Amino acid sequence: MTRTAQDLFATAAVTSFKLNGQFLAIAEKLAKPSGITVAWWQVLGAILHKPLPVAGIAREMGITRQSVQRIADLLADKGFVEYRPNPVHRRAKLVAITESGHAAVREIDPQHAAMAERLVAHLGVDELARIVDALTTLSATLDALEGDATDTA
């Protein structure tokens, strides 16, 4: 049976939707003991290594700026992040993780590492790396297609 481009695209989309749900369910279990939500963990993860403006976090996560702003404000109220001046944009403050935010993420690390090891035990490092590379390539390609000026509608 020959699979058409449309069949492959549809299967990739449906599988991605399912994967998203599976990852969110796993992430919820991992995050819950640390007292943060998955959405909070995602925002903290986006700024773990460097502060970003809300719009930059939204681009990184593939969600709306408004959603990130709401979560960032909650995280700031809880002391997990702080707003800092942005040297390149006066009005778009940088969201920076605090020591409390780092501590919450560190609390997740042991369970996160254990889940990663379970996944590697089933797939092997090489297969997981191949999957990650394929998913990364697919995401980058979809970004490029979305940025194309041609309208297919």
C-alpha atoms as a PDB file:
ATOM      1  CA  MET A   1       0.000   0.000   0.000  1.00  0.00           C
ATOM      2  CA  THR A   2       1.391   3.363  -1.039  1.00  0.00           C
ATOM      3  CA  ARG A   3       0.883   6.129   1.478  1.00  0.00           C
ATOM      4  CA  THR A   4       0.119   9.516   0.001  1.00  0.00           C
ATOM      5  CA  ALA A   5       1.577  12.799   1.191  1.00  0.00           C
ATOM      6  CA  GLN A   6      -1.831  13.692   2.622  1.00  0.00           C
ATOM      7  CA  ASP A   7      -2.046  10.384   4.536  1.00  0.00           C
ATOM      8  CA  LEU A   8       1.442  10.875   5.963  1.00  0.00           C
ATOM      9  CA  PHE A   9       0.707  14.474   6.928  1.00  0.00           C
ATOM     10  CA  ALA A  10      -2.559  13.486   8.629  1.00  0.00           C
ATOM     11  CA  THR A  11      -0.909  10.611  10.494  1.00  0.00           C
ATOM     12  CA  ALA A  12       1.952  12.864  11.608  1.00  0.00           C
ATOM     13  CA  ALA A  13      -0.549  15.416  12.907  1.00  0.00           C
ATOM     14  CA  VAL A  14      -2.719  12.911  14.763  1.00  0.00           C
ATOM     15  CA  THR A  15       0.344  11.208  16.242  1.00  0.00           C
ATOM     16  CA  SER A  16       1.728  14.585  17.329  1.00  0.00           C
ATOM     17  CA  PHE A  17      -1.569  15.449  19.032  1.00  0.00           C
ATOM     18  CA  LYS A  18      -1.458  12.128  20.874  1.00  0.00           C
ATOM     19  CA  LEU A  19       2.211  12.631  21.806  1.00  0.00           C
ATOM     20  CA  ASN A  20       1.406  16.092  23.126  1.00  0.00           C
ATOM     21  CA  GLY A  21      -1.252  14.612  25.399  1.00  0.00           C
ATOM     22  CA  GLN A  22       1.083  11.847  26.531  1.00  0.00           C
ATOM     23  CA  PHE A  23       3.919  14.275  27.274  1.00  0.00           C
ATOM     24  CA  LEU A  24       1.569  16.595  29.169  1.00  0.00           C
ATOM     25  CA  ALA A  25       0.256  13.708  31.297  1.00  0.00           C
ATOM     26  CA  ILE A  26       3.813  12.587  32.123  1.00  0.00           C
ATOM     27  CA  ALA A  27       4.915  16.166  32.790  1.00  0.00           C
ATOM     28  CA  GLU A  28       1.970  16.703  35.133  1.00  0.00           C
ATOM     29  CA  LYS A  29       3.029  13.670  37.197  1.00  0.00           C
ATOM     30  CA  LEU A  30       6.626  14.896  37.262  1.00  0.00           C
ATOM     31  CA  ALA A  31       5.794  18.509  38.155  1.00  0.00           C
ATOM     32  CA  LYS A  32       3.077  17.942  40.741  1.00  0.00           C
ATOM     33  CA  PRO A  33       5.346  16.978  43.689  1.00  0.00           C
ATOM     34  CA  SER A  34       7.325  20.219  43.261  1.00  0.00           C
ATOM     35  CA  GLY A  35       4.174  22.330  43.562  1.00  0.00           C
ATOM     36  CA  ILE A  36       4.209  23.709  40.042  1.00  0.00           C
ATOM     37  CA  THR A  37       2.008  23.062  37.042  1.00  0.00           C
ATOM     38  CA  VAL A  38       3.120  21.835  33.647  1.00  0.00           C
ATOM     39  CA  ALA A  39       2.505  25.287  32.169  1.00  0.00           C
ATOM     40  CA  TRP A  40       4.665  26.862  34.873  1.00  0.00           C
ATOM     41  CA  TRP A  41       7.392  24.269  34.231  1.00  0.00           C
ATOM     42  CA  GLN A  42       7.310  25.025  30.506  1.00  0.00           C
ATOM     43  CA  VAL A  43       7.823  28.748  31.080  1.00  0.00           C
ATOM     44  CA  LEU A  44      10.556  28.112  33.659  1.00  0.00           C
ATOM     45  CA  GLY A  45      12.240  25.725  31.225  1.00  0.00           C
ATOM     46  CA  ALA A  46      12.221  28.337  28.466  1.00  0.00           C
ATOM     47  CA  ILE A  47      14.170  30.791  30.649  1.00  0.00           C
ATOM     48  CA  LEU A  48      16.321  28.285  32.529  1.00  0.00           C
ATOM     49  CA  HIS A  49      19.546  29.399  30.849  1.00  0.00           C
ATOM     50  CA  LYS A  50      18.795  32.995  29.863  1.00  0.00           C
ATOM     51  CA  PRO A  51      16.058  35.565  30.471  1.00  0.00           C
ATOM     52  CA  LEU A  52      13.669  36.209  27.599  1.00  0.00           C
ATOM     53  CA  PRO A  53      10.838  38.652  26.938  1.00  0.00           C
ATOM     54  CA  VAL A  54       7.331  37.208  27.096  1.00  0.00           C
ATOM     55  CA  ALA A  55       7.086  37.222  23.293  1.00  0.00           C
ATOM     56  CA  GLY A  56      10.347  35.250  23.055  1.00  0.00           C
ATOM     57  CA  ILE A  57       9.071  32.653  25.504  1.00  0.00           C
ATOM     58  CA  ALA A  58       5.840  32.368  23.507  1.00  0.00           C
ATOM     59  CA  ARG A  59       7.790  31.804  20.268  1.00  0.00           C
ATOM     60  CA  GLU A  60       9.991  29.201  21.993  1.00  0.00           C
ATOM     61  CA  MET A  61       6.955  27.326  23.327  1.00  0.00           C
ATOM     62  CA  GLY A  62       4.666  27.778  20.332  1.00  0.00           C
ATOM     63  CA  ILE A  63       1.845  29.375  22.354  1.00  0.00           C
ATOM     64  CA  THR A  64       0.301  32.828  22.554  1.00  0.00           C
ATOM     65  CA  ARG A  65       2.000  35.775  24.156  1.00  0.00           C
ATOM     66  CA  GLN A  66      -1.091  36.364  26.305  1.00  0.00           C
ATOM     67  CA  SER A  67      -0.891  32.851  27.780  1.00  0.00           C
ATOM     68  CA  VAL A  68       2.776  33.311  28.631  1.00  0.00           C
ATOM     69  CA  GLN A  69       2.098  36.747  30.139  1.00  0.00           C
ATOM     70  CA  ARG A  70      -0.567  35.301  32.448  1.00  0.00           C
ATOM     71  CA  ILE A  71       1.736  32.469  33.560  1.00  0.00           C
ATOM     72  CA  ALA A  72       4.755  34.785  33.954  1.00  0.00           C
ATOM     73  CA  ASP A  73       2.713  37.107  36.163  1.00  0.00           C
ATOM     74  CA  LEU A  74       1.642  34.145  38.328  1.00  0.00           C
ATOM     75  CA  LEU A  75       5.228  32.911  38.545  1.00  0.00           C
ATOM     76  CA  ALA A  76       6.391  36.411  39.524  1.00  0.00           C
ATOM     77  CA  ASP A  77       3.728  36.573  42.252  1.00  0.00           C
ATOM     78  CA  LYS A  78       5.006  33.217  43.588  1.00  0.00           C
ATOM     79  CA  GLY A  79       8.646  34.355  43.441  1.00  0.00           C
ATOM     80  CA  PHE A  80       9.705  31.835  40.769  1.00  0.00           C
ATOM     81  CA  VAL A  81      10.594  34.546  38.230  1.00  0.00           C
ATOM     82  CA  GLU A  82      11.320  38.244  38.230  1.00  0.00           C
ATOM     83  CA  TYR A  83      10.976  40.949  35.601  1.00  0.00           C
ATOM     84  CA  ARG A  84      14.184  42.714  34.611  1.00  0.00           C
ATOM     85  CA  PRO A  85      14.893  45.661  32.334  1.00  0.00           C
ATOM     86  CA  ASN A  86      15.511  44.695  28.726  1.00  0.00           C
ATOM     87  CA  PRO A  87      18.471  46.552  27.215  1.00  0.00           C
ATOM     88  CA  VAL A  88      17.119  46.169  23.667  1.00  0.00           C
ATOM     89  CA  HIS A  89      13.457  47.026  24.335  1.00  0.00           C
ATOM     90  CA  ARG A  90      12.368  49.435  27.023  1.00  0.00           C
ATOM     91  CA  ARG A  91       8.771  48.179  27.344  1.00  0.00           C
ATOM     92  CA  ALA A  92       9.298  44.403  26.849  1.00  0.00           C
ATOM     93  CA  LYS A  93      10.835  43.396  30.168  1.00  0.00           C
ATOM     94  CA  LEU A  94      12.877  40.203  30.429  1.00  0.00           C
ATOM     95  CA  VAL A  95      11.490  37.309  32.456  1.00  0.00           C
ATOM     96  CA  ALA A  96      14.287  35.768  34.533  1.00  0.00           C
ATOM     97  CA  ILE A  97      14.148  32.669  36.699  1.00  0.00           C
ATOM     98  CA  THR A  98      14.892  33.168  40.416  1.00  0.00           C
ATOM     99  CA  GLU A  99      16.596  30.787  42.816  1.00  0.00           C
ATOM    100  CA  SER A 100      13.124  29.595  43.912  1.00  0.00           C
ATOM    101  CA  GLY A 101      12.315  28.804  40.291  1.00  0.00           C
ATOM    102  CA  HIS A 102      15.576  26.924  39.882  1.00  0.00           C
ATOM    103  CA  ALA A 103      14.849  24.980  43.086  1.00  0.00           C
ATOM    104  CA  ALA A 104      11.398  23.940  41.787  1.00  0.00           C
ATOM    105  CA  VAL A 105      12.914  22.700  38.514  1.00  0.00           C
ATOM    106  CA  ARG A 106      15.727  20.903  40.369  1.00  0.00           C
ATOM    107  CA  GLU A 107      13.110  19.119  42.463  1.00  0.00           C
ATOM    108  CA  ILE A 108      11.693  17.613  39.251  1.00  0.00           C
ATOM    109  CA  ASP A 109      15.102  16.484  37.946  1.00  0.00           C
ATOM    110  CA  PRO A 110      15.335  13.059  39.653  1.00  0.00           C
ATOM    111  CA  GLN A 111      11.923  11.894  38.375  1.00  0.00           C
ATOM    112  CA  HIS A 112      12.653  13.465  34.982  1.00  0.00           C
ATOM    113  CA  ALA A 113      15.955  11.579  34.754  1.00  0.00           C
ATOM    114  CA  ALA A 114      14.267   8.316  35.805  1.00  0.00           C
ATOM    115  CA  MET A 115      11.600   8.733  33.096  1.00  0.00           C
ATOM    116  CA  ALA A 116      14.296   9.441  30.506  1.00  0.00           C
ATOM    117  CA  GLU A 117      16.159   6.281  31.534  1.00  0.00           C
ATOM    118  CA  ARG A 118      12.954   4.211  31.250  1.00  0.00           C
ATOM    119  CA  LEU A 119      12.409   5.571  27.739  1.00  0.00           C
ATOM    120  CA  VAL A 120      16.006   4.803  26.739  1.00  0.00           C
ATOM    121  CA  ALA A 121      15.671   1.295  28.213  1.00  0.00           C
ATOM    122  CA  HIS A 122      12.781   0.650  25.800  1.00  0.00           C
ATOM    123  CA  LEU A 123      14.089   2.438  22.705  1.00  0.00           C
ATOM    124  CA  GLY A 124      17.841   2.655  23.094  1.00  0.00           C
ATOM    125  CA  VAL A 125      19.855   5.858  22.867  1.00  0.00           C
ATOM    126  CA  ASP A 126      20.380   5.699  19.102  1.00  0.00           C
ATOM    127  CA  GLU A 127      16.685   5.199  18.318  1.00  0.00           C
ATOM    128  CA  LEU A 128      15.620   7.979  20.694  1.00  0.00           C
ATOM    129  CA  ALA A 129      18.220  10.286  19.145  1.00  0.00           C
ATOM    130  CA  ARG A 130      16.889   9.433  15.662  1.00  0.00           C
ATOM    131  CA  ILE A 131      13.324  10.205  16.812  1.00  0.00           C
ATOM    132  CA  VAL A 132      14.390  13.491  18.407  1.00  0.00           C
ATOM    133  CA  ASP A 133      16.234  14.487  15.224  1.00  0.00           C
ATOM    134  CA  ALA A 134      13.190  13.621  13.099  1.00  0.00           C
ATOM    135  CA  LEU A 135      10.830  15.585  15.363  1.00  0.00           C
ATOM    136  CA  THR A 136      13.206  18.554  15.386  1.00  0.00           C
ATOM    137  CA  THR A 137      13.439  18.476  11.593  1.00  0.00           C
ATOM    138  CA  LEU A 138       9.656  18.215  11.257  1.00  0.00           C
ATOM    139  CA  SER A 139       9.134  21.170  13.599  1.00  0.00           C
ATOM    140  CA  ALA A 140      11.705  23.319  11.794  1.00  0.00           C
ATOM    141  CA  THR A 141      10.152  22.449   8.428  1.00  0.00           C
ATOM    142  CA  LEU A 142       6.668  23.372   9.642  1.00  0.00           C
ATOM    143  CA  ASP A 143       8.080  26.686  10.942  1.00  0.00           C
ATOM    144  CA  ALA A 144       9.622  27.337   7.526  1.00  0.00           C
ATOM    145  CA  LEU A 145       6.409  26.444   5.700  1.00  0.00           C
ATOM    146  CA  GLU A 146       4.378  28.671   8.001  1.00  0.00           C
ATOM    147  CA  GLY A 147       6.739  31.502   7.185  1.00  0.00           C
ATOM    148  CA  ASP A 148       6.354  31.036   3.437  1.00  0.00           C
ATOM    149  CA  ALA A 149       4.694  33.960   1.742  1.00  0.00           C
ATOM    150  CA  THR A 150       2.626  31.683  -0.476  1.00  0.00           C
ATOM    151  CA  ASP A 151      -0.923  31.191   0.685  1.00  0.00           C
ATOM    152  CA  THR A 152      -2.263  27.709  -0.044  1.00  0.00           C
ATOM    153  CA  ALA A 153      -5.823  28.470   1.046  1.00  0.00           C
END
